Amino acid sequence: MKSPWNILLVTPLFLLLPLCTSASPASDDSPSTRNPNGHTCLACVAVVSVIEQLAQVHNSTVETSMERLCSYLPEKLFLKTTCYLVIEMFGPDIIKLLSTDMNADVVCHTLKFCKQDPGQPLCHLYPLPKEAWKFTLEKARQIVKKSPALKYSRSSADICSLPFLAKICQKIKLAIKNSVPFKDVDSDKYSVFPTLRGYHWRGRDCNDSNKMAYPGRRPDNWDVHEDSNCNGIWGVDPKDGIPYEKKFCEGSQPRGIILLGDSAGAHFHISPEWITASQMSLKSFINLPTALTNELNWPQISGATGFLDSISGIKEKSIYLRLRKRNHCNHRDYQNISRNGASSQNLDRFIESLSRDPLLDHPAIIIYAMIGNDVCNGKADPVPEMTTPKKLYSSVMKTLKYLNSHLPNGSHVILYGLPNGTFLWDNLHNRYYPLGQLNKDVTYAHFYSFLNCLQVSPCHSWMSSNKTLRNLTSERAKQLSNTLKNIATSQKFTNFDLFYADFDFQEVTEEWQKRGGEPWQLIEPVDGFHPNEVALLLLADRLWKKVELHWPQVLGKENPFNPQIEQVFGDQGGH
C-alpha cells in the first residue's frame, strides 16, 4: 500500500523531503505525492506538535525542547546537524508563536508551510481556536511580521541541488526508482550492503566481484571450489570426496521466495516514538537512518521475506524463514520486489528488477500482493482513480506473461486478494492518534480528515467518515479479488502453477483476539493504515498453513540433511 506521507516527521528531514518524495519509486503515479504543499504542511504540523509536547512533558521552554529534539537525533545522514540548522532558521518564530498559545496548525499557517487556497477548505489537525480563524491567524502574523525566516523557501530545499551531492543523489534516486541495489559491484542485482535496496530486500551477495555468484542459482559444479549460490554450502566432504552441495541439496527441491508487492509487503513502518513526546529518548531514533535508506520500509522483518527475529515478540515466522527451516539449501534465496505506491497499474515499471534466470536458477514461489493501491488514492474524489476489474485483468495477465518468460520451470505463483479496509475506520476512528494522546485532542477521525483535506491520504476512500464511500471501496476490492480468483482458476502457464489466496484479515483478527489482543493493535499507529509487523506475520502464518494444506507441492519437501548442514556449516554465513 501507499506510504501515507513520503515525508519526514522530524525537523531535520525537511531537507531530505525531495529525495524521499520525488525519488520514491512509485511516486510517478502516486496521487499523494502530487501535492508537495500538503506534505510540507503535514511535516510542519507534526514537528511543531512534537516540539510543543516535549516542552509540556518535560516542563521546559520551547527553546529547550527544540534543543532536546535535535540532541536525540543521530549524526548519520547529517540529521543532527540539519536539525540545528533548521531550528536556527525557524526556531525564533516557533518560540514566539507557541509562547502565545498558538497551536501547531496556526504556527504552520503563519510560517507559510501550510496555506489555504481560495475556495478550498481550511486543513487543520487540532480543534480550531476559540476565536475566529482569520483573527487568530492575523494576530499570529503580526507577531512574526518582521521575521527574516519568512523569506526562506517553503518547498523544502533539495540537498541534491548541491554540486558535491548531485552525482550521489542521482545514483540513489536511480537505485530506488529501479528497485535494485545502490551498491552492486558486479551488477547481478545482489549486494553486500544492507539498505538502499541491498540485502534487507534480497539475499546477501557472497561474491560481489562475480556476477555468476548470487542467491538462488543452481550450483556451479556442485560448488566444489566456491559458493556460487550463496547458501553457505560448498566444498567437498573429506570422508568420501562428495561435494557437500551434492550430498545435502541434490534432489531436495530448493526454491526461493519472491514478493511482488506494495508498501504493506515491504512493511512500511514509522516508529510511534518518533512523534510521541512522552516516549521520546536518545534511543528513539537509533534506527532512523536505516529506515530512511529503506524508504521507511522494514523488509528485513516483513511477513514474506523477513530474516531477522520479530521485534514484536510473537512466535510466527516469515514465509522465507519457514522455507529456510524446511530446507536449509534455500538459505538467502529471497527477494522483496515491493515499492511504496505500487499497484497492478505500475508494476511493469519495476518488475524487471526481479532476478531469476529460467535456465541457471532454481524455481521460485512468487507472491503477487498488490493489496491496496488499486482502490486507494488521496484524491478528493477517489472513485474515478480506482482500478476497474477490466484494467486489473489486463495488467495481471501482462505480469503473468512476463513471469512465464523469466521464471524457471516448476515455479509457483500465488495471487493474493485485497482486504476489506472498512476495518480501519471501524476500529480506529474514535481512538486517540499518537499526537493527540497527551492532551486527548486528536483522534484518528481528525487525523484522517486532515490527510484527506491536504489530499495526501494513502487511502481517502477507506480512511473516511463517509460510510457509503468506505463500503463502495470494499465492494470494488471484492470485485478485484474475484478477478484475481478467476484468473487463477482459468489460466495456465508453462513455467508455473497458478493459485489464489484470500487476504484473511478477519481470521487474523479473530486469532489475535483469542490471544487477548485488540483489533486496533494490528494497524500501524502512525499512519493508521498499514498492517503492522504482528499482522503481517499472522497473515504469513495463515497463508503458509493454507498452502501446506491444499498445495503442499508449492513448498517442496523437508530436507532430511538439515541437521548435517547445521553441523558442518553452522548458520551458513548468516544473512
Protein backbone atom coordinates (compact mmCIF):
# COMPACT_ATOMS: atom_id res chain seq x y z
CA MET A 1 0.00 0.00 0.00
CA LYS A 2 0.97 3.56 -0.43
CA SER A 3 3.18 5.21 2.06
CA PRO A 4 0.83 7.60 3.86
CA TRP A 5 3.18 10.51 3.61
CA ASN A 6 6.53 10.30 1.85
CA ILE A 7 7.84 12.93 4.16
CA LEU A 8 9.85 13.35 7.25
CA LEU A 9 8.33 13.53 10.66
CA VAL A 10 11.22 15.21 12.38
CA THR A 11 12.69 18.63 11.75
CA PRO A 12 15.96 17.76 10.01
CA LEU A 13 14.22 15.74 7.41
CA PHE A 14 12.66 18.77 5.79
CA LEU A 15 15.82 18.99 3.70
CA LEU A 16 15.63 15.35 2.68
CA LEU A 17 12.00 15.63 1.63
CA PRO A 18 12.56 15.86 -2.15
CA LEU A 19 14.76 12.76 -2.11
CA CYS A 20 12.09 10.77 -0.30
CA THR A 21 9.21 12.00 -2.43
CA SER A 22 10.41 12.58 -5.98
CA ALA A 23 12.69 9.57 -5.82
CA SER A 24 10.13 7.35 -4.18
CA PRO A 25 9.72 4.51 -6.65
CA ALA A 26 6.05 4.74 -7.29
CA SER A 27 5.75 8.46 -6.85
CA ASP A 28 5.24 8.94 -10.58
CA ASP A 29 1.70 7.72 -10.16
CA SER A 30 1.09 8.25 -6.54
CA PRO A 31 -1.62 10.86 -6.07
CA SER A 32 -0.35 11.51 -2.57
CA THR A 33 3.00 12.66 -3.96
CA ARG A 34 1.45 15.17 -6.35
CA ASN A 35 0.79 17.64 -3.54
CA PRO A 36 4.17 18.73 -2.16
CA ASN A 37 2.48 21.61 -0.32
CA GLY A 38 0.33 19.08 1.51
CA HIS A 39 3.35 17.06 2.55
CA THR A 40 5.20 20.16 3.72
CA CYS A 41 2.21 21.22 5.79
CA LEU A 42 1.86 17.77 7.32
CA ALA A 43 5.55 17.65 8.19
CA CYS A 44 5.44 21.09 9.78
CA VAL A 45 2.39 20.31 11.94
CA ALA A 46 3.97 17.06 13.10
CA VAL A 47 7.29 18.67 14.01
CA VAL A 48 5.81 21.70 15.76
CA SER A 49 3.47 19.36 17.68
CA VAL A 50 6.44 17.32 18.88
CA ILE A 51 8.32 20.47 19.95
CA GLU A 52 5.30 21.79 21.84
CA GLN A 53 4.61 18.46 23.54
CA LEU A 54 8.26 17.92 24.51
CA ALA A 55 8.10 21.24 26.34
CA GLN A 56 4.91 20.13 28.08
CA VAL A 57 6.21 16.66 29.04
CA HIS A 58 9.48 17.97 30.45
CA ASN A 59 8.03 21.21 31.82
CA SER A 60 10.63 23.14 29.84
CA THR A 61 10.78 26.10 27.49
CA VAL A 62 10.10 25.71 23.79
CA GLU A 63 13.73 26.56 23.08
CA THR A 64 14.89 23.75 25.37
CA SER A 65 12.50 21.28 23.76
CA MET A 66 13.90 22.11 20.30
CA GLU A 67 17.41 21.55 21.61
CA ARG A 68 16.21 18.29 23.15
CA LEU A 69 14.73 17.06 19.86
CA CYS A 70 17.94 17.78 17.96
CA SER A 71 20.05 16.11 20.65
CA TYR A 72 18.03 12.91 20.25
CA LEU A 73 18.84 12.63 16.55
CA PRO A 74 21.86 10.64 15.29
CA GLU A 75 24.77 12.21 13.45
CA LYS A 76 24.31 9.84 10.48
CA LEU A 77 22.92 11.40 7.29
CA PHE A 78 23.66 14.80 8.89
CA LEU A 79 20.37 14.52 10.79
CA LYS A 80 21.53 16.23 13.97
CA THR A 81 23.41 18.95 12.10
CA THR A 82 20.47 19.66 9.80
CA CYS A 83 18.13 19.81 12.77
CA TYR A 84 20.17 22.56 14.38
CA LEU A 85 20.30 24.48 11.09
CA VAL A 86 16.54 24.35 10.67
CA ILE A 87 15.99 25.33 14.30
CA GLU A 88 18.35 28.27 13.80
CA MET A 89 16.25 29.43 10.84
CA PHE A 90 12.74 28.93 12.15
CA GLY A 91 13.21 28.41 15.89
CA PRO A 92 12.79 32.06 16.99
CA ASP A 93 9.41 32.34 15.27
CA ILE A 94 8.21 28.99 16.62
CA ILE A 95 9.18 30.09 20.13
CA LYS A 96 7.26 33.38 19.79
CA LEU A 97 4.13 31.73 18.44
CA LEU A 98 3.99 28.78 20.83
CA SER A 99 4.65 31.15 23.73
CA THR A 100 1.41 32.96 22.89
CA ASP A 101 -0.57 29.70 22.95
CA MET A 102 -0.86 29.29 19.18
CA ASN A 103 -1.22 25.63 18.23
CA ALA A 104 0.72 23.75 15.53
CA ASP A 105 -1.88 24.46 12.84
CA VAL A 106 -1.69 28.21 13.44
CA VAL A 107 2.12 28.16 13.60
CA CYS A 108 2.46 26.33 10.28
CA HIS A 109 -0.08 28.54 8.50
CA THR A 110 1.62 31.64 9.88
CA LEU A 111 5.04 30.48 8.72
CA LYS A 112 3.51 29.56 5.33
CA PHE A 113 4.33 25.86 5.49
CA CYS A 114 0.56 25.39 5.27
CA LYS A 115 -1.77 27.50 3.17
CA GLN A 116 -5.44 27.69 2.37
CA ASP A 117 -6.07 28.12 -1.34
CA PRO A 118 -9.05 30.27 -2.41
CA GLY A 119 -12.26 28.29 -2.44
CA GLN A 120 -10.65 25.36 -0.63
CA PRO A 121 -11.40 24.14 2.91
CA LEU A 122 -9.14 25.01 5.82
CA CYS A 123 -6.99 21.98 6.68
CA HIS A 124 -6.28 21.59 10.38
CA LEU A 125 -5.32 18.71 12.67
CA TYR A 126 -6.28 20.25 16.00
CA PRO A 127 -9.59 21.81 17.08
CA LEU A 128 -9.96 25.34 15.73
CA PRO A 129 -9.09 28.24 18.07
CA LYS A 130 -11.96 29.66 20.10
CA GLU A 131 -11.53 32.99 18.33
CA ALA A 132 -12.28 33.24 14.61
CA TRP A 133 -9.57 31.59 12.47
CA LYS A 134 -8.85 34.72 10.39
CA PHE A 135 -8.48 36.81 13.52
CA THR A 136 -6.14 34.29 15.15
CA LEU A 137 -4.04 33.95 12.00
CA GLU A 138 -3.73 37.72 11.57
CA LYS A 139 -2.75 38.05 15.22
CA ALA A 140 -0.04 35.41 14.74
CA ARG A 141 1.24 37.08 11.56
CA GLN A 142 1.67 40.34 13.39
CA ILE A 143 3.89 38.58 15.94
CA VAL A 144 6.36 37.45 13.26
CA LYS A 145 5.77 40.04 10.53
CA LYS A 146 9.38 41.23 10.58
CA SER A 147 10.88 37.76 10.72
CA PRO A 148 13.73 37.08 8.24
CA ALA A 149 12.61 33.42 8.16
CA LEU A 150 9.57 34.35 6.07
CA LYS A 151 11.84 34.85 3.05
CA TYR A 152 13.05 31.24 3.05
CA SER A 153 11.56 28.83 0.53
CA ARG A 154 8.79 26.58 1.84
CA SER A 155 9.28 23.93 -0.82
CA SER A 156 11.88 22.07 1.24
CA ALA A 157 15.20 22.90 -0.40
CA ASP A 158 16.60 19.90 -2.24
CA ILE A 159 20.01 18.94 -0.86
CA CYS A 160 20.60 17.14 -4.16
CA SER A 161 20.95 20.52 -5.85
CA LEU A 162 24.29 20.97 -4.10
CA PRO A 163 27.07 20.25 -6.65
CA PHE A 164 29.03 17.83 -4.45
CA LEU A 165 25.89 15.76 -3.76
CA ALA A 166 24.29 15.80 -7.22
CA LYS A 167 26.04 12.68 -8.54
CA ILE A 168 25.49 10.52 -5.47
CA CYS A 169 21.85 11.66 -5.24
CA GLN A 170 21.26 10.71 -8.84
CA LYS A 171 22.64 7.23 -8.25
CA ILE A 172 20.50 6.77 -5.14
CA LYS A 173 17.36 8.00 -6.91
CA LEU A 174 18.02 5.66 -9.82
CA ALA A 175 18.53 2.69 -7.50
CA ILE A 176 15.27 3.39 -5.68
CA LYS A 177 13.36 4.05 -8.89
CA ASN A 178 14.58 0.81 -10.47
CA SER A 179 14.28 -1.16 -7.20
CA VAL A 180 17.83 -2.50 -7.50
CA PRO A 181 20.75 -2.22 -5.04
CA PHE A 182 22.63 1.07 -4.91
CA LYS A 183 25.86 -0.79 -4.14
CA ASP A 184 26.27 -3.71 -6.54
CA VAL A 185 29.78 -4.00 -7.97
CA ASP A 186 29.09 -6.93 -10.31
CA SER A 187 25.58 -5.76 -11.36
CA ASP A 188 23.91 -9.08 -10.53
CA LYS A 189 21.14 -7.29 -8.56
CA TYR A 190 22.53 -8.52 -5.21
CA SER A 191 24.57 -6.56 -2.70
CA VAL A 192 26.77 -6.80 0.39
CA PHE A 193 25.25 -3.53 1.66
CA PRO A 194 22.03 -3.78 3.74
CA THR A 195 19.93 -0.76 2.79
CA LEU A 196 19.30 1.24 -0.38
CA ARG A 197 17.73 -1.91 -1.87
CA GLY A 198 20.57 -4.11 -0.60
CA TYR A 199 20.33 -7.38 1.34
CA HIS A 200 17.47 -6.18 3.52
CA TRP A 201 15.48 -6.57 0.31
CA ARG A 202 17.10 -9.62 -1.33
CA GLY A 203 19.61 -12.26 -0.25
CA ARG A 204 23.12 -11.03 0.53
CA ASP A 205 25.65 -11.48 -2.24
CA CYS A 206 28.54 -13.78 -1.32
CA ASN A 207 30.87 -12.53 -4.05
CA ASP A 208 30.23 -9.01 -5.30
CA SER A 209 33.01 -9.26 -7.87
CA ASN A 210 31.49 -12.25 -9.66
CA LYS A 211 28.10 -11.75 -11.31
CA MET A 212 27.70 -15.53 -11.66
CA ALA A 213 27.63 -15.94 -7.88
CA TYR A 214 24.31 -14.93 -6.31
CA PRO A 215 21.47 -16.39 -4.18
CA GLY A 216 19.03 -18.73 -5.88
CA ARG A 217 21.15 -20.10 -8.71
CA ARG A 218 21.80 -23.76 -9.33
CA PRO A 219 25.29 -24.62 -8.04
CA ASP A 220 28.20 -24.34 -10.43
CA ASN A 221 29.94 -27.76 -10.50
CA TRP A 222 28.29 -28.55 -7.16
CA ASP A 223 30.19 -25.64 -5.58
CA VAL A 224 33.31 -27.73 -5.14
CA HIS A 225 35.64 -24.72 -5.02
CA GLU A 226 33.41 -21.79 -4.03
CA ASP A 227 29.87 -20.94 -3.04
CA SER A 228 28.14 -19.92 -6.27
CA ASN A 229 24.59 -19.69 -4.86
CA CYS A 230 25.40 -18.03 -1.54
CA ASN A 231 23.60 -20.61 0.59
CA GLY A 232 26.78 -21.20 2.61
CA ILE A 233 27.14 -24.83 1.47
CA TRP A 234 30.28 -25.60 -0.56
CA GLY A 235 33.45 -27.67 -0.67
CA VAL A 236 33.97 -31.43 -0.55
CA ASP A 237 33.43 -33.88 2.32
CA PRO A 238 36.95 -35.23 3.04
CA LYS A 239 35.46 -38.53 4.25
CA ASP A 240 34.07 -39.61 0.87
CA GLY A 241 35.05 -36.93 -1.65
CA ILE A 242 31.42 -35.98 -2.38
CA PRO A 243 30.67 -32.25 -2.72
CA TYR A 244 28.56 -31.02 0.20
CA GLU A 245 26.11 -29.25 -2.12
CA LYS A 246 25.50 -32.50 -3.98
CA LYS A 247 25.27 -34.57 -0.79
CA PHE A 248 22.93 -32.23 1.09
CA CYS A 249 20.93 -30.42 -1.62
CA GLU A 250 20.61 -32.64 -4.69
CA GLY A 251 17.01 -33.72 -5.05
CA SER A 252 15.85 -31.56 -2.14
CA GLN A 253 13.89 -29.28 -4.48
CA PRO A 254 15.42 -25.90 -3.45
CA ARG A 255 13.33 -22.83 -4.18
CA GLY A 256 13.23 -19.16 -3.38
CA ILE A 257 10.51 -16.74 -2.30
CA ILE A 258 9.82 -13.58 -4.31
CA LEU A 259 7.26 -10.96 -3.32
CA LEU A 260 5.78 -8.58 -5.86
CA GLY A 261 4.15 -6.09 -3.54
CA ASP A 262 3.43 -2.60 -2.30
CA SER A 263 4.37 -0.80 0.92
CA ALA A 264 2.46 -3.34 3.02
CA GLY A 265 4.62 -6.14 1.61
CA ALA A 266 7.74 -4.03 2.18
CA HIS A 267 6.48 -3.41 5.75
CA PHE A 268 6.11 0.36 5.81
CA HIS A 269 6.61 1.50 9.39
CA ILE A 270 7.09 4.82 11.15
CA SER A 271 8.01 4.35 14.79
CA PRO A 272 5.46 5.93 17.18
CA GLU A 273 8.41 7.06 19.33
CA TRP A 274 9.41 9.48 16.58
CA ILE A 275 6.29 11.59 17.13
CA THR A 276 5.29 10.76 20.72
CA ALA A 277 6.93 13.22 23.11
CA SER A 278 6.24 11.15 26.23
CA GLN A 279 8.11 8.16 24.74
CA MET A 280 10.97 10.04 23.11
CA SER A 281 14.57 9.46 24.26
CA LEU A 282 18.14 9.16 22.99
CA LYS A 283 17.32 5.61 21.88
CA SER A 284 14.23 6.55 19.87
CA PHE A 285 15.98 7.49 16.64
CA ILE A 286 18.75 4.90 16.51
CA ASN A 287 17.09 3.15 13.55
CA LEU A 288 16.05 6.33 11.73
CA PRO A 289 19.00 6.35 9.25
CA THR A 290 18.32 2.71 8.37
CA ALA A 291 14.62 3.41 7.92
CA LEU A 292 15.26 6.42 5.69
CA THR A 293 17.64 4.49 3.45
CA ASN A 294 15.00 1.76 3.20
CA GLU A 295 12.32 4.27 2.15
CA LEU A 296 10.70 3.94 5.62
CA ASN A 297 10.22 0.23 4.96
CA TRP A 298 11.42 -2.74 7.05
CA PRO A 299 11.59 -5.69 4.62
CA GLN A 300 14.11 -7.41 6.90
CA ILE A 301 11.27 -8.15 9.36
CA SER A 302 8.38 -8.38 6.87
CA GLY A 303 5.90 -11.22 6.67
CA ALA A 304 7.09 -12.53 3.31
CA THR A 305 10.87 -12.10 3.26
CA GLY A 306 11.88 -11.13 6.80
CA PHE A 307 15.05 -12.83 8.01
CA LEU A 308 15.57 -11.10 11.37
CA ASP A 309 13.77 -12.10 14.54
CA SER A 310 10.49 -10.33 15.15
CA ILE A 311 10.75 -7.23 17.32
CA SER A 312 7.11 -7.72 18.33
CA GLY A 313 7.90 -10.93 20.18
CA ILE A 314 5.36 -13.24 18.53
CA LYS A 315 6.47 -16.76 17.59
CA GLU A 316 5.29 -16.74 13.96
CA LYS A 317 7.98 -16.52 11.28
CA SER A 318 8.12 -15.11 7.77
CA ILE A 319 7.48 -17.23 4.68
CA TYR A 320 11.20 -17.08 3.87
CA LEU A 321 12.32 -18.29 7.31
CA ARG A 322 9.84 -21.16 7.12
CA LEU A 323 11.15 -22.15 3.70
CA ARG A 324 14.70 -21.99 5.03
CA LYS A 325 13.78 -24.09 8.06
CA ARG A 326 12.14 -26.63 5.75
CA ASN A 327 15.21 -26.83 3.55
CA HIS A 328 18.48 -25.15 4.58
CA CYS A 329 19.55 -25.23 0.93
CA ASN A 330 17.10 -22.29 0.47
CA HIS A 331 19.37 -20.06 2.59
CA ARG A 332 19.36 -16.40 1.41
CA ASP A 333 17.02 -17.10 -1.52
CA TYR A 334 14.53 -14.27 -1.04
CA GLN A 335 13.59 -11.14 -2.97
CA ASN A 336 11.25 -8.39 -1.82
CA ILE A 337 10.31 -6.59 -5.02
CA SER A 338 7.93 -4.12 -3.37
CA ARG A 339 7.53 -0.38 -3.70
CA ASN A 340 5.64 2.32 -1.90
CA GLY A 341 2.67 3.19 -4.08
CA ALA A 342 2.86 0.04 -6.20
CA SER A 343 -0.28 -1.28 -7.87
CA SER A 344 -1.25 -3.54 -10.75
CA GLN A 345 -1.07 -0.47 -12.98
CA ASN A 346 2.58 0.42 -12.36
CA LEU A 347 4.21 -2.93 -11.59
CA ASP A 348 5.59 -3.04 -15.14
CA ARG A 349 7.89 -0.13 -14.20
CA PHE A 350 9.92 -2.18 -11.75
CA ILE A 351 9.21 -5.87 -12.35
CA GLU A 352 12.45 -6.08 -14.33
CA SER A 353 14.31 -5.73 -11.04
CA LEU A 354 13.27 -9.33 -10.34
CA SER A 355 16.30 -11.60 -10.61
CA ARG A 356 15.63 -15.11 -11.92
CA ASP A 357 17.25 -16.91 -14.83
CA PRO A 358 14.97 -19.61 -16.28
CA LEU A 359 17.96 -21.84 -17.11
CA LEU A 360 20.53 -21.13 -14.38
CA ASP A 361 18.35 -20.67 -11.30
CA HIS A 362 16.15 -22.74 -9.00
CA PRO A 363 12.34 -22.42 -9.25
CA ALA A 364 10.66 -19.78 -7.11
CA ILE A 365 7.43 -19.10 -5.27
CA ILE A 366 6.06 -15.74 -6.39
CA ILE A 367 3.51 -13.97 -4.21
CA TYR A 368 1.65 -11.24 -6.11
CA ALA A 369 0.28 -8.96 -3.38
CA MET A 370 -0.93 -5.58 -4.63
CA ILE A 371 -3.39 -5.28 -1.78
CA GLY A 372 -4.29 -1.60 -1.62
CA ASN A 373 -3.40 0.92 -4.28
CA ASP A 374 -5.79 -0.34 -6.93
CA VAL A 375 -8.61 1.05 -4.77
CA CYS A 376 -6.67 3.56 -2.66
CA ASN A 377 -5.56 7.08 -3.53
CA GLY A 378 -5.53 10.53 -1.97
CA LYS A 379 -7.77 12.35 -4.44
CA ALA A 380 -10.65 14.49 -3.22
CA ASP A 381 -12.86 12.23 -5.37
CA PRO A 382 -11.08 8.86 -5.15
CA VAL A 383 -13.57 6.68 -7.04
CA PRO A 384 -12.60 7.55 -10.66
CA GLU A 385 -8.96 6.69 -9.87
CA MET A 386 -9.77 3.13 -8.76
CA THR A 387 -8.67 0.26 -10.98
CA THR A 388 -11.54 -1.46 -12.77
CA PRO A 389 -11.79 -5.27 -13.00
CA LYS A 390 -11.13 -5.00 -16.74
CA LYS A 391 -7.92 -2.99 -16.23
CA LEU A 392 -6.80 -5.34 -13.47
CA TYR A 393 -7.32 -8.37 -15.69
CA SER A 394 -5.25 -6.80 -18.45
CA SER A 395 -2.34 -5.75 -16.22
CA VAL A 396 -2.20 -9.02 -14.26
CA MET A 397 -2.18 -11.07 -17.45
CA LYS A 398 0.69 -8.92 -18.71
CA THR A 399 2.56 -9.57 -15.45
CA LEU A 400 1.95 -13.32 -15.64
CA LYS A 401 3.20 -13.50 -19.22
CA TYR A 402 6.36 -11.69 -18.14
CA LEU A 403 6.85 -14.13 -15.28
CA ASN A 404 6.30 -17.10 -17.57
CA SER A 405 9.19 -15.98 -19.74
CA HIS A 406 11.54 -15.29 -16.81
CA LEU A 407 10.87 -17.96 -14.20
CA PRO A 408 12.47 -21.43 -14.17
CA ASN A 409 10.13 -24.30 -14.91
CA GLY A 410 8.49 -25.72 -11.79
CA SER A 411 7.84 -22.32 -10.18
CA HIS A 412 4.58 -21.33 -8.48
CA VAL A 413 2.63 -18.05 -8.44
CA ILE A 414 0.09 -17.11 -5.77
CA LEU A 415 -2.28 -14.20 -6.43
CA TYR A 416 -3.23 -12.53 -3.14
CA GLY A 417 -6.63 -10.89 -2.81
CA LEU A 418 -7.46 -7.43 -1.48
CA PRO A 419 -8.66 -6.73 2.09
CA ASN A 420 -11.85 -5.18 3.35
CA GLY A 421 -10.45 -1.87 4.56
CA THR A 422 -13.59 -0.80 6.46
CA PHE A 423 -11.69 -2.36 9.37
CA LEU A 424 -9.63 0.85 9.64
CA TRP A 425 -12.40 3.33 10.39
CA ASP A 426 -14.43 0.84 12.42
CA ASN A 427 -11.57 0.13 14.83
CA LEU A 428 -9.58 3.37 14.90
CA HIS A 429 -11.77 6.42 14.28
CA ASN A 430 -12.61 7.13 17.93
CA ARG A 431 -9.17 6.27 19.34
CA TYR A 432 -6.58 8.96 20.05
CA TYR A 433 -3.87 9.43 17.44
CA PRO A 434 -0.25 9.48 18.81
CA LEU A 435 -0.06 13.28 18.50
CA GLY A 436 -3.38 13.55 20.35
CA GLN A 437 -2.73 11.16 23.22
CA LEU A 438 -1.03 13.64 25.53
CA ASN A 439 -3.86 16.18 25.57
CA LYS A 440 -6.70 13.95 24.31
CA ASP A 441 -7.40 16.35 21.43
CA VAL A 442 -6.76 14.43 18.18
CA THR A 443 -8.48 11.18 17.21
CA TYR A 444 -7.83 9.09 14.11
CA ALA A 445 -11.02 10.60 12.68
CA HIS A 446 -9.36 14.04 12.96
CA PHE A 447 -6.11 12.68 11.51
CA TYR A 448 -7.86 11.04 8.56
CA SER A 449 -9.80 14.24 7.86
CA PHE A 450 -6.56 16.26 7.92
CA LEU A 451 -4.88 13.93 5.41
CA ASN A 452 -7.91 13.96 3.14
CA CYS A 453 -8.12 17.74 3.25
CA LEU A 454 -4.44 18.01 2.27
CA GLN A 455 -5.00 15.31 -0.39
CA VAL A 456 -2.07 13.28 0.94
CA SER A 457 -4.04 10.37 2.36
CA PRO A 458 -2.81 6.90 1.39
CA CYS A 459 -6.45 5.84 1.10
CA HIS A 460 -9.07 8.57 1.21
CA SER A 461 -11.86 6.10 0.45
CA TRP A 462 -11.30 3.82 3.46
CA MET A 463 -9.86 6.46 5.81
CA SER A 464 -13.06 8.48 5.64
CA SER A 465 -16.12 9.24 7.75
CA ASN A 466 -18.24 8.61 4.63
CA LYS A 467 -19.68 5.13 5.20
CA THR A 468 -21.09 4.93 1.68
CA LEU A 469 -17.62 5.62 0.24
CA ARG A 470 -16.00 3.07 2.53
CA ASN A 471 -18.48 0.37 1.51
CA LEU A 472 -18.16 1.24 -2.17
CA THR A 473 -14.38 0.83 -1.88
CA SER A 474 -14.75 -2.56 -0.22
CA GLU A 475 -17.13 -3.64 -2.97
CA ARG A 476 -14.57 -2.66 -5.63
CA ALA A 477 -11.85 -4.50 -3.68
CA LYS A 478 -14.08 -7.59 -3.66
CA GLN A 479 -14.61 -7.30 -7.42
CA LEU A 480 -10.85 -7.10 -7.98
CA SER A 481 -10.25 -10.10 -5.71
CA ASN A 482 -12.81 -12.08 -7.72
CA THR A 483 -10.99 -11.08 -10.91
CA LEU A 484 -7.74 -12.45 -9.48
CA LYS A 485 -9.53 -15.63 -8.43
CA ASN A 486 -10.97 -16.08 -11.92
CA ILE A 487 -7.54 -15.63 -13.48
CA ALA A 488 -6.06 -18.24 -11.15
CA THR A 489 -8.73 -20.82 -11.97
CA SER A 490 -8.91 -20.23 -15.73
CA GLN A 491 -5.34 -19.53 -16.89
CA LYS A 492 -2.49 -21.99 -17.44
CA PHE A 493 1.20 -21.26 -17.91
CA THR A 494 4.10 -23.48 -18.91
CA ASN A 495 6.64 -22.50 -16.25
CA PHE A 496 4.48 -22.15 -13.16
CA ASP A 497 1.29 -23.26 -11.45
CA LEU A 498 -1.15 -20.51 -10.54
CA PHE A 499 -3.13 -20.19 -7.27
CA TYR A 500 -5.33 -17.66 -5.49
CA ALA A 501 -5.47 -16.88 -1.76
CA ASP A 502 -7.84 -14.55 0.09
CA PHE A 503 -6.49 -11.78 2.28
CA ASP A 504 -7.64 -13.37 5.54
CA PHE A 505 -7.60 -10.32 7.80
CA GLN A 506 -10.81 -11.22 9.58
CA GLU A 507 -9.36 -14.61 10.55
CA VAL A 508 -6.14 -12.94 11.67
CA THR A 509 -8.14 -10.51 13.81
CA GLU A 510 -10.01 -13.37 15.45
CA GLU A 511 -6.75 -15.20 16.14
CA TRP A 512 -5.28 -12.05 17.70
CA GLN A 513 -8.35 -11.59 19.89
CA LYS A 514 -8.04 -15.19 21.11
CA ARG A 515 -4.59 -14.20 22.38
CA GLY A 516 -6.07 -11.30 24.31
CA GLY A 517 -5.28 -8.61 21.75
CA GLU A 518 -7.46 -5.81 20.37
CA PRO A 519 -8.14 -5.39 16.62
CA TRP A 520 -6.69 -1.86 16.50
CA GLN A 521 -3.33 -3.25 17.66
CA LEU A 522 -2.86 -4.82 14.20
CA ILE A 523 -2.56 -1.46 12.41
CA GLU A 524 0.46 0.82 12.20
CA PRO A 525 -0.28 3.55 14.76
CA VAL A 526 1.42 6.47 12.99
CA ASP A 527 -0.08 6.11 9.52
CA GLY A 528 -3.30 4.44 10.71
CA PHE A 529 -3.37 2.39 7.54
CA HIS A 530 -0.80 -0.37 7.07
CA PRO A 531 -0.90 -3.78 8.75
CA ASN A 532 1.85 -3.82 11.36
CA GLU A 533 4.51 -6.46 11.97
CA VAL A 534 2.24 -8.65 14.09
CA ALA A 535 -0.48 -8.58 11.44
CA LEU A 536 1.98 -9.34 8.64
CA LEU A 537 3.41 -12.36 10.48
CA LEU A 538 -0.05 -13.67 11.34
CA LEU A 539 -1.09 -13.26 7.71
CA ALA A 540 2.06 -15.14 6.65
CA ASP A 541 1.16 -17.89 9.10
CA ARG A 542 -2.33 -18.26 7.62
CA LEU A 543 -1.01 -18.29 4.06
CA TRP A 544 1.64 -20.89 4.93
CA LYS A 545 -0.91 -23.17 6.56
CA LYS A 546 -3.28 -22.85 3.61
CA VAL A 547 -0.53 -23.70 1.11
CA GLU A 548 0.71 -26.55 3.29
CA LEU A 549 -2.82 -27.99 3.48
CA HIS A 550 -4.05 -27.51 -0.08
CA TRP A 551 -0.95 -27.10 -2.27
CA PRO A 552 1.97 -28.78 -0.44
CA GLN A 553 3.88 -29.17 -3.70
CA VAL A 554 4.44 -25.39 -3.66
CA LEU A 555 6.65 -25.60 -0.57
CA GLY A 556 8.79 -28.58 -1.58
CA LYS A 557 9.73 -31.38 0.75
CA GLU A 558 11.59 -31.16 4.04
CA ASN A 559 15.31 -31.74 3.69
CA PRO A 560 16.44 -34.70 5.84
CA PHE A 561 20.00 -33.34 5.74
CA ASN A 562 19.20 -30.11 7.62
CA PRO A 563 20.89 -31.33 10.84
CA GLN A 564 24.04 -32.29 8.94
CA ILE A 565 24.09 -28.90 7.20
CA GLU A 566 23.92 -27.18 10.60
CA GLN A 567 26.65 -29.44 11.96
CA VAL A 568 29.06 -28.69 9.12
CA PHE A 569 28.16 -25.09 8.20
CA GLY A 570 26.55 -23.62 11.32
CA ASP A 571 24.41 -20.62 10.36
CA GLN A 572 25.65 -20.89 6.75
CA GLY A 573 27.26 -17.47 6.87
CA GLY A 574 24.20 -15.76 8.33
CA HIS A 575 22.19 -13.18 6.45
